[in-house]
Amino acid sequence: MGLYWEDLPLRYPHVESDAFVVMPNHIHGIVVIVGALGAIIGSFKSAVTKRINELCDTRGAPVWQRNYYEHIIRNEKDLDRIRKYIDANPSNWMQDDENSATYKPSPR
């Protein structure tokens, strides 16, 4: 997946890839762009889905959540904070509500 992330600027001349981390059920990443965010994310998800399904022999299986979260980074302080969040995210995985190893259904 990292290779696809690093290749984004090659496919989209107005894109720069920044901090990136793969989590067990999602990714975090920063891209610097001028326009067309939806097309970029869609292409990235499509390429990674195709490769995962080839490797797992699961043709057509869904890989991604339906949507994505976006946040416009407006200054260096915000950029630094988000880079630190991405870098620290793997160490917080055991406390994540979506980690199946620690998932506890809420009482009814």
PDB file of N, CA and C in Angstrom:
ATOM      1  N   MET A   1       0.819  -1.181   0.000  1.00  0.00           N
ATOM      2  CA  MET A   1       0.000   0.000   0.000  1.00  0.00           C
ATOM      3  C   MET A   1       0.872   1.257   0.000  1.00  0.00           C
ATOM      4  N   GLY A   2       1.992   1.201   0.700  1.00  0.00           N
ATOM      5  CA  GLY A   2       2.890   2.352   0.737  1.00  0.00           C
ATOM      6  C   GLY A   2       3.376   2.746  -0.641  1.00  0.00           C
ATOM      7  N   LEU A   3       3.630   1.751  -1.484  1.00  0.00           N
ATOM      8  CA  LEU A   3       4.074   2.032  -2.846  1.00  0.00           C
ATOM      9  C   LEU A   3       3.019   2.834  -3.602  1.00  0.00           C
ATOM     10  N   TYR A   4       1.756   2.446  -3.466  1.00  0.00           N
ATOM     11  CA  TYR A   4       0.682   3.173  -4.128  1.00  0.00           C
ATOM     12  C   TYR A   4       0.600   4.597  -3.590  1.00  0.00           C
ATOM     13  N   TRP A   5       0.801   4.740  -2.285  1.00  0.00           N
ATOM     14  CA  TRP A   5       0.769   6.072  -1.664  1.00  0.00           C
ATOM     15  C   TRP A   5       1.873   6.958  -2.245  1.00  0.00           C
ATOM     16  N   GLU A   6       3.068   6.420  -2.319  1.00  0.00           N
ATOM     17  CA  GLU A   6       4.203   7.176  -2.844  1.00  0.00           C
ATOM     18  C   GLU A   6       4.047   7.499  -4.321  1.00  0.00           C
ATOM     19  N   ASP A   7       3.275   6.692  -5.056  1.00  0.00           N
ATOM     20  CA  ASP A   7       3.074   6.913  -6.487  1.00  0.00           C
ATOM     21  C   ASP A   7       2.001   7.955  -6.798  1.00  0.00           C
ATOM     22  N   LEU A   8       1.248   8.389  -5.800  1.00  0.00           N
ATOM     23  CA  LEU A   8       0.186   9.373  -6.058  1.00  0.00           C
ATOM     24  C   LEU A   8       0.696  10.604  -6.814  1.00  0.00           C
ATOM     25  N   PRO A   9       1.845  11.194  -6.426  1.00  0.00           N
ATOM     26  CA  PRO A   9       2.318  12.368  -7.171  1.00  0.00           C
ATOM     27  C   PRO A   9       2.667  12.068  -8.629  1.00  0.00           C
ATOM     28  N   LEU A  10       3.008  10.822  -8.930  1.00  0.00           N
ATOM     29  CA  LEU A  10       3.301  10.459 -10.317  1.00  0.00           C
ATOM     30  C   LEU A  10       2.028  10.429 -11.159  1.00  0.00           C
ATOM     31  N   ARG A  11       0.931  10.003 -10.538  1.00  0.00           N
ATOM     32  CA  ARG A  11      -0.347   9.911 -11.247  1.00  0.00           C
ATOM     33  C   ARG A  11      -1.073  11.246 -11.290  1.00  0.00           C
ATOM     34  N   TYR A  12      -0.817  12.082 -10.280  1.00  0.00           N
ATOM     35  CA  TYR A  12      -1.499  13.370 -10.153  1.00  0.00           C
ATOM     36  C   TYR A  12      -0.452  14.453  -9.920  1.00  0.00           C
ATOM     37  N   PRO A  13      -0.121  15.202 -10.959  1.00  0.00           N
ATOM     38  CA  PRO A  13       0.965  16.180 -10.863  1.00  0.00           C
ATOM     39  C   PRO A  13       0.761  17.256  -9.787  1.00  0.00           C
ATOM     40  N   HIS A  14      -0.469  17.500  -9.393  1.00  0.00           N
ATOM     41  CA  HIS A  14      -0.727  18.537  -8.393  1.00  0.00           C
ATOM     42  C   HIS A  14      -0.910  17.961  -6.996  1.00  0.00           C
ATOM     43  N   VAL A  15      -0.280  16.811  -6.750  1.00  0.00           N
ATOM     44  CA  VAL A  15      -0.410  16.129  -5.463  1.00  0.00           C
ATOM     45  C   VAL A  15       0.976  15.856  -4.888  1.00  0.00           C
ATOM     46  N   GLU A  16       1.104  16.043  -3.577  1.00  0.00           N
ATOM     47  CA  GLU A  16       2.296  15.621  -2.847  1.00  0.00           C
ATOM     48  C   GLU A  16       1.833  14.724  -1.715  1.00  0.00           C
ATOM     49  N   SER A  17       2.471  13.582  -1.534  1.00  0.00           N
ATOM     50  CA  SER A  17       2.136  12.709  -0.408  1.00  0.00           C
ATOM     51  C   SER A  17       3.006  13.104   0.786  1.00  0.00           C
ATOM     52  N   ASP A  18       2.426  12.979   1.978  1.00  0.00           N
ATOM     53  CA  ASP A  18       3.112  13.366   3.207  1.00  0.00           C
ATOM     54  C   ASP A  18       3.051  12.178   4.167  1.00  0.00           C
ATOM     55  N   ALA A  19       2.867  12.412   5.441  1.00  0.00           N
ATOM     56  CA  ALA A  19       2.837  11.347   6.449  1.00  0.00           C
ATOM     57  C   ALA A  19       1.759  10.315   6.112  1.00  0.00           C
ATOM     58  N   PHE A  20       2.044   9.038   6.453  1.00  0.00           N
ATOM     59  CA  PHE A  20       1.171   7.936   6.075  1.00  0.00           C
ATOM     60  C   PHE A  20       1.392   6.777   7.036  1.00  0.00           C
ATOM     61  N   VAL A  21       0.305   6.133   7.477  1.00  0.00           N
ATOM     62  CA  VAL A  21       0.432   4.939   8.306  1.00  0.00           C
ATOM     63  C   VAL A  21      -0.728   4.002   7.991  1.00  0.00           C
ATOM     64  N   VAL A  22      -0.453   2.694   7.961  1.00  0.00           N
ATOM     65  CA  VAL A  22      -1.466   1.670   7.730  1.00  0.00           C
ATOM     66  C   VAL A  22      -1.850   1.076   9.076  1.00  0.00           C
ATOM     67  N   MET A  23      -3.142   1.109   9.384  1.00  0.00           N
ATOM     68  CA  MET A  23      -3.678   0.506  10.599  1.00  0.00           C
ATOM     69  C   MET A  23      -4.388  -0.786  10.196  1.00  0.00           C
ATOM     70  N   PRO A  24      -4.735  -1.639  11.150  1.00  0.00           N
ATOM     71  CA  PRO A  24      -5.392  -2.903  10.785  1.00  0.00           C
ATOM     72  C   PRO A  24      -6.703  -2.739  10.025  1.00  0.00           C
ATOM     73  N   ASN A  25      -7.447  -1.671  10.268  1.00  0.00           N
ATOM     74  CA  ASN A  25      -8.727  -1.525   9.569  1.00  0.00           C
ATOM     75  C   ASN A  25      -8.914  -0.172   8.898  1.00  0.00           C
ATOM     76  N   HIS A  26      -7.857   0.636   8.816  1.00  0.00           N
ATOM     77  CA  HIS A  26      -7.945   1.928   8.140  1.00  0.00           C
ATOM     78  C   HIS A  26      -6.547   2.488   7.912  1.00  0.00           C
ATOM     79  N   ILE A  27      -6.478   3.589   7.222  1.00  0.00           N
ATOM     80  CA  ILE A  27      -5.205   4.279   7.017  1.00  0.00           C
ATOM     81  C   ILE A  27      -5.356   5.732   7.444  1.00  0.00           C
ATOM     82  N   HIS A  28      -4.234   6.358   7.722  1.00  0.00           N
ATOM     83  CA  HIS A  28      -4.172   7.796   7.936  1.00  0.00           C
ATOM     84  C   HIS A  28      -3.126   8.323   6.971  1.00  0.00           C
ATOM     85  N   GLY A  29      -3.410   9.429   6.326  1.00  0.00           N
ATOM     86  CA  GLY A  29      -2.422  10.006   5.434  1.00  0.00           C
ATOM     87  C   GLY A  29      -2.703  11.462   5.161  1.00  0.00           C
ATOM     88  N   ILE A  30      -1.654  12.166   4.787  1.00  0.00           N
ATOM     89  CA  ILE A  30      -1.774  13.577   4.419  1.00  0.00           C
ATOM     90  C   ILE A  30      -1.368  13.710   2.968  1.00  0.00           C
ATOM     91  N   VAL A  31      -2.239  14.326   2.170  1.00  0.00           N
ATOM     92  CA  VAL A  31      -1.899  14.690   0.800  1.00  0.00           C
ATOM     93  C   VAL A  31      -2.069  16.194   0.648  1.00  0.00           C
ATOM     94  N   VAL A  32      -1.160  16.797  -0.080  1.00  0.00           N
ATOM     95  CA  VAL A  32      -1.247  18.213  -0.405  1.00  0.00           C
ATOM     96  C   VAL A  32      -1.729  18.273  -1.846  1.00  0.00           C
ATOM     97  N   ILE A  33      -2.877  18.920  -2.073  1.00  0.00           N
ATOM     98  CA  ILE A  33      -3.480  18.896  -3.408  1.00  0.00           C
ATOM     99  C   ILE A  33      -4.013  20.265  -3.820  1.00  0.00           C
ATOM    100  N   VAL A  34      -4.260  20.345  -5.122  1.00  0.00           N
ATOM    101  CA  VAL A  34      -4.996  21.468  -5.697  1.00  0.00           C
ATOM    102  C   VAL A  34      -6.143  20.843  -6.478  1.00  0.00           C
ATOM    103  N   GLY A  35      -7.327  20.763  -5.852  1.00  0.00           N
ATOM    104  CA  GLY A  35      -8.533  20.242  -6.500  1.00  0.00           C
ATOM    105  C   GLY A  35      -8.623  18.725  -6.560  1.00  0.00           C
ATOM    106  N   ALA A  36      -9.824  18.222  -6.852  1.00  0.00           N
ATOM    107  CA  ALA A  36     -10.109  16.817  -7.213  1.00  0.00           C
ATOM    108  C   ALA A  36      -9.808  15.796  -6.138  1.00  0.00           C
ATOM    109  N   LEU A  37     -10.077  16.090  -4.882  1.00  0.00           N
ATOM    110  CA  LEU A  37      -9.794  15.149  -3.803  1.00  0.00           C
ATOM    111  C   LEU A  37     -10.532  13.823  -3.990  1.00  0.00           C
ATOM    112  N   GLY A  38     -11.796  13.868  -4.319  1.00  0.00           N
ATOM    113  CA  GLY A  38     -12.582  12.645  -4.488  1.00  0.00           C
ATOM    114  C   GLY A  38     -11.997  11.709  -5.536  1.00  0.00           C
ATOM    115  N   ALA A  39     -11.555  12.262  -6.654  1.00  0.00           N
ATOM    116  CA  ALA A  39     -10.969  11.438  -7.723  1.00  0.00           C
ATOM    117  C   ALA A  39      -9.662  10.798  -7.265  1.00  0.00           C
ATOM    118  N   ILE A  40      -8.869  11.533  -6.512  1.00  0.00           N
ATOM    119  CA  ILE A  40      -7.590  11.008  -6.027  1.00  0.00           C
ATOM    120  C   ILE A  40      -7.823   9.865  -5.043  1.00  0.00           C
ATOM    121  N   ILE A  41      -8.704  10.073  -4.059  1.00  0.00           N
ATOM    122  CA  ILE A  41      -8.986   9.044  -3.065  1.00  0.00           C
ATOM    123  C   ILE A  41      -9.607   7.820  -3.740  1.00  0.00           C
ATOM    124  N   GLY A  42     -10.530   8.055  -4.672  1.00  0.00           N
ATOM    125  CA  GLY A  42     -11.161   6.946  -5.395  1.00  0.00           C
ATOM    126  C   GLY A  42     -10.152   6.110  -6.167  1.00  0.00           C
ATOM    127  N   SER A  43      -9.231   6.769  -6.834  1.00  0.00           N
ATOM    128  CA  SER A  43      -8.209   6.048  -7.598  1.00  0.00           C
ATOM    129  C   SER A  43      -7.280   5.264  -6.679  1.00  0.00           C
ATOM    130  N   PHE A  44      -6.873   5.874  -5.579  1.00  0.00           N
ATOM    131  CA  PHE A  44      -6.019   5.193  -4.606  1.00  0.00           C
ATOM    132  C   PHE A  44      -6.716   3.958  -4.048  1.00  0.00           C
ATOM    133  N   LYS A  45      -7.976   4.115  -3.629  1.00  0.00           N
ATOM    134  CA  LYS A  45      -8.728   2.986  -3.078  1.00  0.00           C
ATOM    135  C   LYS A  45      -8.907   1.885  -4.118  1.00  0.00           C
ATOM    136  N   SER A  46      -9.177   2.260  -5.350  1.00  0.00           N
ATOM    137  CA  SER A  46      -9.376   1.288  -6.419  1.00  0.00           C
ATOM    138  C   SER A  46      -8.111   0.462  -6.669  1.00  0.00           C
ATOM    139  N   ALA A  47      -6.967   1.128  -6.773  1.00  0.00           N
ATOM    140  CA  ALA A  47      -5.709   0.428  -7.040  1.00  0.00           C
ATOM    141  C   ALA A  47      -5.352  -0.510  -5.885  1.00  0.00           C
ATOM    142  N   VAL A  48      -5.527  -0.043  -4.653  1.00  0.00           N
ATOM    143  CA  VAL A  48      -5.189  -0.874  -3.496  1.00  0.00           C
ATOM    144  C   VAL A  48      -6.161  -2.049  -3.363  1.00  0.00           C
ATOM    145  N   THR A  49      -7.455  -1.803  -3.601  1.00  0.00           N
ATOM    146  CA  THR A  49      -8.451  -2.879  -3.550  1.00  0.00           C
ATOM    147  C   THR A  49      -8.118  -3.969  -4.561  1.00  0.00           C
ATOM    148  N   LYS A  50      -7.786  -3.558  -5.770  1.00  0.00           N
ATOM    149  CA  LYS A  50      -7.447  -4.529  -6.815  1.00  0.00           C
ATOM    150  C   LYS A  50      -6.256  -5.389  -6.388  1.00  0.00           C
ATOM    151  N   ARG A  51      -5.225  -4.754  -5.845  1.00  0.00           N
ATOM    152  CA  ARG A  51      -4.026  -5.496  -5.445  1.00  0.00           C
ATOM    153  C   ARG A  51      -4.308  -6.420  -4.259  1.00  0.00           C
ATOM    154  N   ILE A  52      -5.045  -5.950  -3.263  1.00  0.00           N
ATOM    155  CA  ILE A  52      -5.382  -6.787  -2.110  1.00  0.00           C
ATOM    156  C   ILE A  52      -6.186  -7.997  -2.559  1.00  0.00           C
ATOM    157  N   ASN A  53      -7.168  -7.790  -3.434  1.00  0.00           N
ATOM    158  CA  ASN A  53      -7.989  -8.902  -3.913  1.00  0.00           C
ATOM    159  C   ASN A  53      -7.185  -9.877  -4.771  1.00  0.00           C
ATOM    160  N   GLU A  54      -6.189  -9.380  -5.499  1.00  0.00           N
ATOM    161  CA  GLU A  54      -5.300 -10.289  -6.238  1.00  0.00           C
ATOM    162  C   GLU A  54      -4.486 -11.131  -5.266  1.00  0.00           C
ATOM    163  N   LEU A  55      -3.911 -10.497  -4.250  1.00  0.00           N
ATOM    164  CA  LEU A  55      -3.071 -11.212  -3.287  1.00  0.00           C
ATOM    165  C   LEU A  55      -3.861 -12.223  -2.457  1.00  0.00           C
ATOM    166  N   CYS A  56      -5.116 -11.885  -2.139  1.00  0.00           N
ATOM    167  CA  CYS A  56      -5.938 -12.748  -1.278  1.00  0.00           C
ATOM    168  C   CYS A  56      -6.858 -13.665  -2.071  1.00  0.00           C
ATOM    169  N   ASP A  57      -6.815 -13.558  -3.413  1.00  0.00           N
ATOM    170  CA  ASP A  57      -7.702 -14.329  -4.284  1.00  0.00           C
ATOM    171  C   ASP A  57      -9.161 -14.144  -3.867  1.00  0.00           C
ATOM    172  N   THR A  58      -9.544 -12.871  -3.685  1.00  0.00           N
ATOM    173  CA  THR A  58     -10.904 -12.513  -3.261  1.00  0.00           C
ATOM    174  C   THR A  58     -11.502 -11.515  -4.244  1.00  0.00           C
ATOM    175  N   ARG A  59     -11.526 -11.879  -5.497  1.00  0.00           N
ATOM    176  CA  ARG A  59     -11.976 -10.985  -6.557  1.00  0.00           C
ATOM    177  C   ARG A  59     -13.295 -10.296  -6.214  1.00  0.00           C
ATOM    178  N   GLY A  60     -13.283  -8.974  -6.253  1.00  0.00           N
ATOM    179  CA  GLY A  60     -14.488  -8.188  -6.036  1.00  0.00           C
ATOM    180  C   GLY A  60     -14.867  -7.954  -4.585  1.00  0.00           C
ATOM    181  N   ALA A  61     -14.090  -8.473  -3.641  1.00  0.00           N
ATOM    182  CA  ALA A  61     -14.427  -8.290  -2.227  1.00  0.00           C
ATOM    183  C   ALA A  61     -14.208  -6.839  -1.817  1.00  0.00           C
ATOM    184  N   PRO A  62     -15.121  -6.285  -1.004  1.00  0.00           N
ATOM    185  CA  PRO A  62     -14.929  -4.904  -0.545  1.00  0.00           C
ATOM    186  C   PRO A  62     -13.762  -4.834   0.438  1.00  0.00           C
ATOM    187  N   VAL A  63     -13.047  -3.724   0.399  1.00  0.00           N
ATOM    188  CA  VAL A  63     -11.883  -3.532   1.255  1.00  0.00           C
ATOM    189  C   VAL A  63     -12.049  -2.299   2.140  1.00  0.00           C
ATOM    190  N   TRP A  64     -12.673  -1.260   1.611  1.00  0.00           N
ATOM    191  CA  TRP A  64     -12.720   0.045   2.267  1.00  0.00           C
ATOM    192  C   TRP A  64     -14.079   0.349   2.874  1.00  0.00           C
ATOM    193  N   GLN A  65     -14.059   1.228   3.861  1.00  0.00           N
ATOM    194  CA  GLN A  65     -15.312   1.812   4.323  1.00  0.00           C
ATOM    195  C   GLN A  65     -15.859   2.661   3.181  1.00  0.00           C
ATOM    196  N   ARG A  66     -17.139   2.959   3.222  1.00  0.00           N
ATOM    197  CA  ARG A  66     -17.794   3.628   2.104  1.00  0.00           C
ATOM    198  C   ARG A  66     -17.249   5.025   1.833  1.00  0.00           C
ATOM    199  N   ASN A  67     -16.911   5.774   2.841  1.00  0.00           N
ATOM    200  CA  ASN A  67     -16.527   7.157   2.653  1.00  0.00           C
ATOM    201  C   ASN A  67     -15.127   7.398   3.200  1.00  0.00           C
ATOM    202  N   TYR A  68     -14.752   8.628   3.330  1.00  0.00           N
ATOM    203  CA  TYR A  68     -13.480   9.003   3.930  1.00  0.00           C
ATOM    204  C   TYR A  68     -13.667  10.310   4.678  1.00  0.00           C
ATOM    205  N   TYR A  69     -12.771  10.561   5.608  1.00  0.00           N
ATOM    206  CA  TYR A  69     -12.798  11.793   6.383  1.00  0.00           C
ATOM    207  C   TYR A  69     -11.766  12.733   5.795  1.00  0.00           C
ATOM    208  N   GLU A  70     -12.135  13.968   5.599  1.00  0.00           N
ATOM    209  CA  GLU A  70     -11.168  14.931   5.092  1.00  0.00           C
ATOM    210  C   GLU A  70     -11.088  16.112   6.046  1.00  0.00           C
ATOM    211  N   HIS A  71      -9.922  16.689   6.095  1.00  0.00           N
ATOM    212  CA  HIS A  71      -9.679  17.862   6.930  1.00  0.00           C
ATOM    213  C   HIS A  71      -8.709  18.752   6.178  1.00  0.00           C
ATOM    214  N   ILE A  72      -9.055  19.993   5.996  1.00  0.00           N
ATOM    215  CA  ILE A  72      -8.162  20.927   5.321  1.00  0.00           C
ATOM    216  C   ILE A  72      -7.158  21.443   6.343  1.00  0.00           C
ATOM    217  N   ILE A  73      -5.888  21.244   6.040  1.00  0.00           N
ATOM    218  CA  ILE A  73      -4.814  21.711   6.916  1.00  0.00           C
ATOM    219  C   ILE A  73      -4.498  23.145   6.520  1.00  0.00           C
ATOM    220  N   ARG A  74      -4.676  24.031   7.467  1.00  0.00           N
ATOM    221  CA  ARG A  74      -4.597  25.458   7.156  1.00  0.00           C
ATOM    222  C   ARG A  74      -3.294  26.137   7.552  1.00  0.00           C
ATOM    223  N   ASN A  75      -2.475  25.480   8.385  1.00  0.00           N
ATOM    224  CA  ASN A  75      -1.230  26.128   8.803  1.00  0.00           C
ATOM    225  C   ASN A  75      -0.226  25.081   9.271  1.00  0.00           C
ATOM    226  N   GLU A  76       0.999  25.507   9.524  1.00  0.00           N
ATOM    227  CA  GLU A  76       2.072  24.601   9.925  1.00  0.00           C
ATOM    228  C   GLU A  76       1.789  23.925  11.267  1.00  0.00           C
ATOM    229  N   LYS A  77       1.177  24.641  12.204  1.00  0.00           N
ATOM    230  CA  LYS A  77       0.865  24.065  13.514  1.00  0.00           C
ATOM    231  C   LYS A  77      -0.106  22.892  13.363  1.00  0.00           C
ATOM    232  N   ASP A  78      -1.141  23.075  12.547  1.00  0.00           N
ATOM    233  CA  ASP A  78      -2.122  22.024  12.278  1.00  0.00           C
ATOM    234  C   ASP A  78      -1.447  20.843  11.577  1.00  0.00           C
ATOM    235  N   LEU A  79      -0.594  21.133  10.609  1.00  0.00           N
ATOM    236  CA  LEU A  79       0.129  20.088   9.880  1.00  0.00           C
ATOM    237  C   LEU A  79       1.007  19.279  10.835  1.00  0.00           C
ATOM    238  N   ASP A  80       1.727  19.949  11.716  1.00  0.00           N
ATOM    239  CA  ASP A  80       2.581  19.269  12.680  1.00  0.00           C
ATOM    240  C   ASP A  80       1.763  18.396  13.623  1.00  0.00           C
ATOM    241  N   ARG A  81       0.620  18.894  14.098  1.00  0.00           N
ATOM    242  CA  ARG A  81      -0.257  18.136  14.999  1.00  0.00           C
ATOM    243  C   ARG A  81      -0.762  16.870  14.316  1.00  0.00           C
ATOM    244  N   ILE A  82      -1.168  16.976  13.066  1.00  0.00           N
ATOM    245  CA  ILE A  82      -1.709  15.824  12.337  1.00  0.00           C
ATOM    246  C   ILE A  82      -0.609  14.816  12.016  1.00  0.00           C
ATOM    247  N   ARG A  83       0.584  15.293  11.689  1.00  0.00           N
ATOM    248  CA  ARG A  83       1.708  14.378  11.466  1.00  0.00           C
ATOM    249  C   ARG A  83       1.992  13.567  12.732  1.00  0.00           C
ATOM    250  N   LYS A  84       1.971  14.218  13.882  1.00  0.00           N
ATOM    251  CA  LYS A  84       2.199  13.522  15.154  1.00  0.00           C
ATOM    252  C   LYS A  84       1.088  12.519  15.428  1.00  0.00           C
ATOM    253  N   TYR A  85      -0.153  12.880  15.132  1.00  0.00           N
ATOM    254  CA  TYR A  85      -1.289  11.969  15.317  1.00  0.00           C
ATOM    255  C   TYR A  85      -1.111  10.718  14.460  1.00  0.00           C
ATOM    256  N   ILE A  86      -0.733  10.895  13.203  1.00  0.00           N
ATOM    257  CA  ILE A  86      -0.532   9.761  12.294  1.00  0.00           C
ATOM    258  C   ILE A  86       0.607   8.888  12.789  1.00  0.00           C
ATOM    259  N   ASP A  87       1.694   9.487  13.210  1.00  0.00           N
ATOM    260  CA  ASP A  87       2.845   8.749  13.696  1.00  0.00           C
ATOM    261  C   ASP A  87       2.528   7.946  14.958  1.00  0.00           C
ATOM    262  N   ALA A  88       1.695   8.510  15.843  1.00  0.00           N
ATOM    263  CA  ALA A  88       1.366   7.856  17.117  1.00  0.00           C
ATOM    264  C   ALA A  88       0.218   6.862  16.997  1.00  0.00           C
ATOM    265  N   ASN A  89      -0.537   6.885  15.913  1.00  0.00           N
ATOM    266  CA  ASN A  89      -1.748   6.087  15.797  1.00  0.00           C
ATOM    267  C   ASN A  89      -1.539   4.591  16.010  1.00  0.00           C
ATOM    268  N   PRO A  90      -0.495   3.973  15.455  1.00  0.00           N
ATOM    269  CA  PRO A  90      -0.321   2.535  15.688  1.00  0.00           C
ATOM    270  C   PRO A  90      -0.194   2.172  17.174  1.00  0.00           C
ATOM    271  N   SER A  91       0.437   3.020  17.959  1.00  0.00           N
ATOM    272  CA  SER A  91       0.596   2.691  19.380  1.00  0.00           C
ATOM    273  C   SER A  91      -0.713   2.804  20.153  1.00  0.00           C
ATOM    274  N   ASN A  92      -1.734   3.421  19.560  1.00  0.00           N
ATOM    275  CA  ASN A  92      -3.043   3.555  20.200  1.00  0.00           C
ATOM    276  C   ASN A  92      -4.037   2.484  19.747  1.00  0.00           C
ATOM    277  N   TRP A  93      -3.618   1.574  18.862  1.00  0.00           N
ATOM    278  CA  TRP A  93      -4.531   0.617  18.256  1.00  0.00           C
ATOM    279  C   TRP A  93      -5.218  -0.278  19.279  1.00  0.00           C
ATOM    280  N   MET A  94      -4.520  -0.679  20.325  1.00  0.00           N
ATOM    281  CA  MET A  94      -5.129  -1.590  21.306  1.00  0.00           C
ATOM    282  C   MET A  94      -6.305  -0.943  22.035  1.00  0.00           C
ATOM    283  N   GLN A  95      -6.370   0.381  22.079  1.00  0.00           N
ATOM    284  CA  GLN A  95      -7.477   1.073  22.732  1.00  0.00           C
ATOM    285  C   GLN A  95      -8.576   1.481  21.749  1.00  0.00           C
ATOM    286  N   ASP A  96      -8.389   1.194  20.464  1.00  0.00           N
ATOM    287  CA  ASP A  96      -9.353   1.614  19.449  1.00  0.00           C
ATOM    288  C   ASP A  96     -10.653   0.831  19.569  1.00  0.00           C
ATOM    289  N   ASP A  97     -11.783   1.531  19.502  1.00  0.00           N
ATOM    290  CA  ASP A  97     -13.109   0.897  19.601  1.00  0.00           C
ATOM    291  C   ASP A  97     -13.350  -0.116  18.485  1.00  0.00           C
ATOM    292  N   GLU A  98     -12.689   0.033  17.347  1.00  0.00           N
ATOM    293  CA  GLU A  98     -12.917  -0.860  16.215  1.00  0.00           C
ATOM    294  C   GLU A  98     -11.911  -2.007  16.149  1.00  0.00           C
ATOM    295  N   ASN A  99     -11.047  -2.128  17.127  1.00  0.00           N
ATOM    296  CA  ASN A  99     -10.093  -3.232  17.175  1.00  0.00           C
ATOM    297  C   ASN A  99     -10.841  -4.487  17.612  1.00  0.00           C
ATOM    298  N   SER A 100     -10.949  -5.473  16.734  1.00  0.00           N
ATOM    299  CA  SER A 100     -11.725  -6.677  17.042  1.00  0.00           C
ATOM    300  C   SER A 100     -11.131  -7.462  18.215  1.00  0.00           C
ATOM    301  N   ALA A 101      -9.842  -7.290  18.488  1.00  0.00           N
ATOM    302  CA  ALA A 101      -9.226  -7.993  19.608  1.00  0.00           C
ATOM    303  C   ALA A 101      -9.680  -7.434  20.952  1.00  0.00           C
ATOM    304  N   THR A 102     -10.124  -6.179  20.961  1.00  0.00           N
ATOM    305  CA  THR A 102     -10.543  -5.554  22.222  1.00  0.00           C
ATOM    306  C   THR A 102     -12.001  -5.121  22.195  1.00  0.00           C
ATOM    307  N   TYR A 103     -12.723  -5.482  21.134  1.00  0.00           N
ATOM    308  CA  TYR A 103     -14.121  -5.051  20.983  1.00  0.00           C
ATOM    309  C   TYR A 103     -15.002  -5.683  22.050  1.00  0.00           C
ATOM    310  N   LYS A 104     -15.775  -4.839  22.688  1.00  0.00           N
ATOM    311  CA  LYS A 104     -16.758  -5.317  23.674  1.00  0.00           C
ATOM    312  C   LYS A 104     -18.103  -4.724  23.301  1.00  0.00           C
ATOM    313  N   PRO A 105     -19.070  -5.572  22.938  1.00  0.00           N
ATOM    314  CA  PRO A 105     -20.393  -5.041  22.566  1.00  0.00           C
ATOM    315  C   PRO A 105     -21.019  -4.294  23.735  1.00  0.00           C
ATOM    316  N   SER A 106     -21.719  -3.223  23.408  1.00  0.00           N
ATOM    317  CA  SER A 106     -22.385  -2.465  24.487  1.00  0.00           C
ATOM    318  C   SER A 106     -23.575  -3.244  25.018  1.00  0.00           C
ATOM    319  N   PRO A 107     -23.831  -3.156  26.334  1.00  0.00           N
ATOM    320  CA  PRO A 107     -24.984  -3.875  26.899  1.00  0.00           C
ATOM    321  C   PRO A 107     -26.281  -3.286  26.368  1.00  0.00           C
ATOM    322  N   ARG A 108     -27.274  -4.128  26.242  1.00  0.00           N
ATOM    323  CA  ARG A 108     -28.564  -3.666  25.696  1.00  0.00           C
ATOM    324  C   ARG A 108     -29.474  -3.179  26.751  1.00  0.00           C
TER     325      ARG A 108
END
